[in-house]
Amino acid sequence: MVSLGGNLRDIARLEASIGKEEEKIKGDHDALNKLADDAIMEAEAEVTAAKKRMADKKRMLKEEAEDREEVSADLAVAALLSGERDADKKRPASATTAKEAEKQ
């Protein structure tokens, strides 16, 4: 028959072994949590950077569109002014020259 003392020693060793395994598991769990937290922080940083790039790109495109609109408006005004000058050149100065212009 196995002695009671031997069984108690075996139980104590098993409990110690279980305690070591629990500590190991806790350490692994903590390490995994830290890795997950680091990955989340890195992903959040990437999202923030992407949002900033998108905002910068949007601002740049808006500025380009405003610049093009300004250039287009300037060209339209220039064309209108040029057309008025051309019309002034083609318009006869007097009624007699208007009649002469019609004959031609």
N, C-alpha and C. Protein backbone atom coordinates (compact mmCIF):
# COMPACT_ATOMS: atom_id res chain seq x y z
N MET A 1 0.83 -1.15 0.00
CA MET A 1 0.00 0.00 0.00
C MET A 1 0.90 1.24 0.00
N VAL A 2 0.47 2.23 -0.74
CA VAL A 2 1.23 3.46 -0.88
C VAL A 2 1.03 4.28 0.36
N SER A 3 2.11 4.90 0.78
CA SER A 3 2.01 5.68 2.02
C SER A 3 1.34 7.01 1.77
N LEU A 4 0.73 7.51 2.81
CA LEU A 4 0.05 8.79 2.76
C LEU A 4 1.05 9.91 2.52
N GLY A 5 2.23 9.83 3.09
CA GLY A 5 3.27 10.85 2.92
C GLY A 5 3.71 10.96 1.48
N GLY A 6 3.84 9.81 0.80
CA GLY A 6 4.23 9.80 -0.62
C GLY A 6 3.18 10.47 -1.47
N ASN A 7 1.92 10.18 -1.18
CA ASN A 7 0.83 10.81 -1.94
C ASN A 7 0.80 12.32 -1.73
N LEU A 8 1.05 12.74 -0.50
CA LEU A 8 1.03 14.17 -0.21
C LEU A 8 2.17 14.89 -0.94
N ARG A 9 3.34 14.22 -1.01
CA ARG A 9 4.47 14.81 -1.74
C ARG A 9 4.14 14.91 -3.23
N ASP A 10 3.53 13.88 -3.77
CA ASP A 10 3.13 13.91 -5.19
C ASP A 10 2.12 15.03 -5.45
N ILE A 11 1.19 15.18 -4.56
CA ILE A 11 0.18 16.24 -4.69
C ILE A 11 0.86 17.61 -4.63
N ALA A 12 1.81 17.78 -3.72
CA ALA A 12 2.51 19.05 -3.57
C ALA A 12 3.31 19.36 -4.83
N ARG A 13 3.99 18.35 -5.40
CA ARG A 13 4.75 18.55 -6.64
C ARG A 13 3.81 18.92 -7.79
N LEU A 14 2.68 18.23 -7.87
CA LEU A 14 1.71 18.54 -8.94
C LEU A 14 1.17 19.96 -8.79
N GLU A 15 0.88 20.36 -7.55
CA GLU A 15 0.39 21.72 -7.32
C GLU A 15 1.45 22.75 -7.70
N ALA A 16 2.71 22.47 -7.38
CA ALA A 16 3.80 23.38 -7.74
C ALA A 16 3.93 23.46 -9.26
N SER A 17 3.83 22.31 -9.90
CA SER A 17 3.92 22.25 -11.36
C SER A 17 2.75 23.01 -12.00
N ILE A 18 1.56 22.83 -11.43
CA ILE A 18 0.38 23.55 -11.93
C ILE A 18 0.57 25.06 -11.75
N GLY A 19 1.10 25.46 -10.62
CA GLY A 19 1.36 26.88 -10.35
C GLY A 19 2.33 27.47 -11.36
N LYS A 20 3.41 26.71 -11.69
CA LYS A 20 4.38 27.19 -12.68
C LYS A 20 3.73 27.33 -14.06
N GLU A 21 2.90 26.35 -14.42
CA GLU A 21 2.21 26.41 -15.71
C GLU A 21 1.24 27.59 -15.76
N GLU A 22 0.56 27.83 -14.64
CA GLU A 22 -0.36 28.97 -14.59
C GLU A 22 0.39 30.28 -14.78
N GLU A 23 1.58 30.40 -14.14
CA GLU A 23 2.39 31.61 -14.29
C GLU A 23 2.86 31.77 -15.72
N LYS A 24 3.26 30.66 -16.33
CA LYS A 24 3.71 30.67 -17.71
C LYS A 24 2.57 31.12 -18.64
N ILE A 25 1.39 30.56 -18.40
CA ILE A 25 0.23 30.92 -19.21
C ILE A 25 -0.11 32.41 -19.02
N LYS A 26 -0.05 32.87 -17.77
CA LYS A 26 -0.32 34.28 -17.49
C LYS A 26 0.68 35.17 -18.21
N GLY A 27 1.95 34.80 -18.19
CA GLY A 27 2.98 35.56 -18.90
C GLY A 27 2.73 35.59 -20.40
N ASP A 28 2.36 34.42 -20.96
CA ASP A 28 2.05 34.34 -22.39
C ASP A 28 0.83 35.22 -22.71
N HIS A 29 -0.16 35.16 -21.83
CA HIS A 29 -1.38 35.94 -22.02
C HIS A 29 -1.05 37.45 -22.00
N ASP A 30 -0.23 37.85 -21.05
CA ASP A 30 0.17 39.26 -20.96
C ASP A 30 0.95 39.70 -22.21
N ALA A 31 1.84 38.82 -22.67
CA ALA A 31 2.62 39.13 -23.87
C ALA A 31 1.71 39.27 -25.10
N LEU A 32 0.74 38.38 -25.22
CA LEU A 32 -0.20 38.45 -26.34
C LEU A 32 -1.05 39.73 -26.27
N ASN A 33 -1.46 40.09 -25.06
CA ASN A 33 -2.23 41.33 -24.90
C ASN A 33 -1.39 42.54 -25.31
N LYS A 34 -0.12 42.53 -24.94
CA LYS A 34 0.76 43.63 -25.31
C LYS A 34 0.93 43.69 -26.83
N LEU A 35 1.12 42.52 -27.46
CA LEU A 35 1.23 42.49 -28.92
C LEU A 35 -0.05 43.02 -29.58
N ALA A 36 -1.18 42.62 -29.05
CA ALA A 36 -2.46 43.07 -29.61
C ALA A 36 -2.61 44.58 -29.43
N ASP A 37 -2.26 45.09 -28.26
CA ASP A 37 -2.34 46.53 -28.01
C ASP A 37 -1.42 47.30 -28.95
N ASP A 38 -0.20 46.78 -29.15
CA ASP A 38 0.75 47.43 -30.06
C ASP A 38 0.21 47.43 -31.49
N ALA A 39 -0.38 46.31 -31.91
CA ALA A 39 -0.94 46.22 -33.26
C ALA A 39 -2.10 47.20 -33.43
N ILE A 40 -2.93 47.32 -32.41
CA ILE A 40 -4.06 48.26 -32.47
C ILE A 40 -3.54 49.70 -32.56
N MET A 41 -2.55 50.03 -31.75
CA MET A 41 -2.00 51.39 -31.78
C MET A 41 -1.37 51.69 -33.14
N GLU A 42 -0.68 50.71 -33.71
CA GLU A 42 -0.07 50.90 -35.02
C GLU A 42 -1.14 51.09 -36.10
N ALA A 43 -2.21 50.29 -36.03
CA ALA A 43 -3.30 50.43 -37.00
C ALA A 43 -3.98 51.79 -36.86
N GLU A 44 -4.19 52.23 -35.63
CA GLU A 44 -4.80 53.55 -35.41
C GLU A 44 -3.91 54.66 -35.96
N ALA A 45 -2.60 54.52 -35.80
CA ALA A 45 -1.66 55.51 -36.33
C ALA A 45 -1.72 55.53 -37.86
N GLU A 46 -1.82 54.36 -38.47
CA GLU A 46 -1.91 54.28 -39.93
C GLU A 46 -3.20 54.92 -40.43
N VAL A 47 -4.30 54.67 -39.72
CA VAL A 47 -5.58 55.27 -40.10
C VAL A 47 -5.51 56.79 -39.98
N THR A 48 -4.93 57.28 -38.91
CA THR A 48 -4.78 58.72 -38.71
C THR A 48 -3.93 59.33 -39.82
N ALA A 49 -2.85 58.66 -40.16
CA ALA A 49 -1.98 59.16 -41.24
C ALA A 49 -2.72 59.15 -42.58
N ALA A 50 -3.49 58.10 -42.83
CA ALA A 50 -4.25 58.02 -44.09
C ALA A 50 -5.30 59.13 -44.15
N LYS A 51 -5.96 59.39 -43.03
CA LYS A 51 -6.95 60.47 -43.00
C LYS A 51 -6.28 61.82 -43.27
N LYS A 52 -5.09 62.01 -42.71
CA LYS A 52 -4.38 63.27 -42.93
C LYS A 52 -3.98 63.40 -44.40
N ARG A 53 -3.50 62.30 -44.99
CA ARG A 53 -3.13 62.34 -46.41
C ARG A 53 -4.35 62.65 -47.27
N MET A 54 -5.49 62.04 -46.93
CA MET A 54 -6.71 62.29 -47.69
C MET A 54 -7.15 63.75 -47.55
N ALA A 55 -7.07 64.30 -46.35
CA ALA A 55 -7.44 65.70 -46.14
C ALA A 55 -6.50 66.63 -46.91
N ASP A 56 -5.20 66.32 -46.90
CA ASP A 56 -4.23 67.12 -47.64
C ASP A 56 -4.51 67.06 -49.14
N LYS A 57 -4.81 65.86 -49.63
CA LYS A 57 -5.10 65.67 -51.05
C LYS A 57 -6.38 66.43 -51.43
N LYS A 58 -7.38 66.35 -50.57
CA LYS A 58 -8.64 67.05 -50.82
C LYS A 58 -8.40 68.55 -50.87
N ARG A 59 -7.62 69.07 -49.93
CA ARG A 59 -7.31 70.49 -49.89
C ARG A 59 -6.55 70.90 -51.16
N MET A 60 -5.59 70.06 -51.56
CA MET A 60 -4.80 70.37 -52.74
C MET A 60 -5.68 70.38 -53.99
N LEU A 61 -6.56 69.40 -54.11
CA LEU A 61 -7.46 69.35 -55.27
C LEU A 61 -8.41 70.54 -55.29
N LYS A 62 -8.87 70.94 -54.12
CA LYS A 62 -9.75 72.09 -54.03
C LYS A 62 -9.01 73.36 -54.47
N GLU A 63 -7.77 73.51 -54.02
CA GLU A 63 -6.97 74.66 -54.42
C GLU A 63 -6.72 74.66 -55.93
N GLU A 64 -6.44 73.48 -56.49
CA GLU A 64 -6.23 73.38 -57.94
C GLU A 64 -7.50 73.76 -58.69
N ALA A 65 -8.65 73.29 -58.20
CA ALA A 65 -9.91 73.61 -58.85
C ALA A 65 -10.18 75.11 -58.78
N GLU A 66 -9.90 75.71 -57.63
CA GLU A 66 -10.09 77.16 -57.50
C GLU A 66 -9.15 77.92 -58.44
N ASP A 67 -7.91 77.45 -58.54
CA ASP A 67 -6.96 78.09 -59.45
C ASP A 67 -7.44 77.98 -60.89
N ARG A 68 -7.92 76.80 -61.28
CA ARG A 68 -8.42 76.61 -62.65
C ARG A 68 -9.63 77.50 -62.91
N GLU A 69 -10.49 77.59 -61.91
CA GLU A 69 -11.68 78.43 -62.04
C GLU A 69 -11.27 79.89 -62.22
N GLU A 70 -10.29 80.32 -61.46
CA GLU A 70 -9.80 81.70 -61.57
C GLU A 70 -9.19 81.95 -62.94
N VAL A 71 -8.39 81.00 -63.43
CA VAL A 71 -7.78 81.13 -64.75
C VAL A 71 -8.87 81.17 -65.82
N SER A 72 -9.87 80.30 -65.69
CA SER A 72 -10.96 80.27 -66.66
C SER A 72 -11.72 81.59 -66.66
N ALA A 73 -11.97 82.12 -65.47
CA ALA A 73 -12.67 83.41 -65.39
C ALA A 73 -11.83 84.51 -66.03
N ASP A 74 -10.52 84.49 -65.77
CA ASP A 74 -9.63 85.49 -66.37
C ASP A 74 -9.63 85.37 -67.90
N LEU A 75 -9.59 84.14 -68.39
CA LEU A 75 -9.61 83.93 -69.84
C LEU A 75 -10.94 84.37 -70.45
N ALA A 76 -12.04 84.09 -69.74
CA ALA A 76 -13.35 84.51 -70.24
C ALA A 76 -13.44 86.02 -70.30
N VAL A 77 -12.97 86.70 -69.26
CA VAL A 77 -12.98 88.17 -69.26
C VAL A 77 -12.10 88.70 -70.38
N ALA A 78 -10.94 88.09 -70.55
CA ALA A 78 -10.04 88.52 -71.62
C ALA A 78 -10.68 88.32 -72.99
N ALA A 79 -11.37 87.19 -73.14
CA ALA A 79 -12.04 86.92 -74.42
C ALA A 79 -13.16 87.92 -74.67
N LEU A 80 -13.91 88.24 -73.63
CA LEU A 80 -14.98 89.22 -73.77
C LEU A 80 -14.41 90.59 -74.14
N LEU A 81 -13.35 90.98 -73.44
CA LEU A 81 -12.73 92.27 -73.74
C LEU A 81 -12.15 92.28 -75.15
N SER A 82 -11.55 91.19 -75.54
CA SER A 82 -10.97 91.07 -76.88
C SER A 82 -12.09 91.14 -77.92
N GLY A 83 -13.20 90.47 -77.63
CA GLY A 83 -14.34 90.51 -78.55
C GLY A 83 -14.91 91.90 -78.67
N GLU A 84 -14.96 92.66 -77.60
CA GLU A 84 -15.44 94.03 -77.64
C GLU A 84 -14.51 94.89 -78.47
N ARG A 85 -13.22 94.69 -78.32
CA ARG A 85 -12.24 95.46 -79.10
C ARG A 85 -12.38 95.13 -80.58
N ASP A 86 -12.57 93.81 -80.88
CA ASP A 86 -12.73 93.40 -82.27
C ASP A 86 -14.01 93.99 -82.84
N ALA A 87 -15.06 94.01 -82.05
CA ALA A 87 -16.33 94.57 -82.51
C ALA A 87 -16.19 96.06 -82.76
N ASP A 88 -15.42 96.75 -81.90
CA ASP A 88 -15.19 98.17 -82.10
C ASP A 88 -14.45 98.42 -83.42
N LYS A 89 -13.53 97.56 -83.76
CA LYS A 89 -12.77 97.71 -85.00
C LYS A 89 -13.67 97.48 -86.21
N LYS A 90 -14.60 96.54 -86.12
CA LYS A 90 -15.47 96.20 -87.24
C LYS A 90 -16.63 97.17 -87.38
N ARG A 91 -17.00 97.82 -86.31
CA ARG A 91 -18.15 98.73 -86.33
C ARG A 91 -17.76 100.03 -87.06
N PRO A 92 -18.57 100.42 -87.98
CA PRO A 92 -18.28 101.66 -88.71
C PRO A 92 -18.44 102.87 -87.79
N ALA A 93 -17.70 103.90 -88.07
CA ALA A 93 -17.71 105.08 -87.22
C ALA A 93 -18.90 105.98 -87.50
N SER A 94 -19.43 105.94 -88.70
CA SER A 94 -20.56 106.81 -89.02
C SER A 94 -21.59 106.05 -89.85
N ALA A 95 -22.71 106.67 -90.05
CA ALA A 95 -23.78 106.03 -90.81
C ALA A 95 -23.37 105.84 -92.26
N THR A 96 -22.63 106.77 -92.84
CA THR A 96 -22.21 106.61 -94.23
C THR A 96 -21.25 105.45 -94.38
N THR A 97 -20.37 105.28 -93.41
CA THR A 97 -19.46 104.14 -93.51
C THR A 97 -20.21 102.84 -93.27
N ALA A 98 -21.30 102.88 -92.54
CA ALA A 98 -22.11 101.68 -92.34
C ALA A 98 -22.73 101.26 -93.64
N LYS A 99 -23.19 102.23 -94.43
CA LYS A 99 -23.77 101.92 -95.73
C LYS A 99 -22.70 101.36 -96.67
N GLU A 100 -21.50 101.91 -96.58
CA GLU A 100 -20.40 101.42 -97.39
C GLU A 100 -20.01 100.00 -96.98
N ALA A 101 -20.07 99.72 -95.69
CA ALA A 101 -19.72 98.40 -95.19
C ALA A 101 -20.73 97.38 -95.68
N GLU A 102 -22.02 97.80 -95.76
CA GLU A 102 -23.05 96.87 -96.25
C GLU A 102 -22.86 96.56 -97.73
N LYS A 103 -22.40 97.54 -98.49
CA LYS A 103 -22.18 97.31 -99.91
C LYS A 103 -21.09 96.30 -100.14
N GLN A 104 -20.12 96.29 -99.28
CA GLN A 104 -18.98 95.39 -99.46
C GLN A 104 -19.41 94.02 -99.04
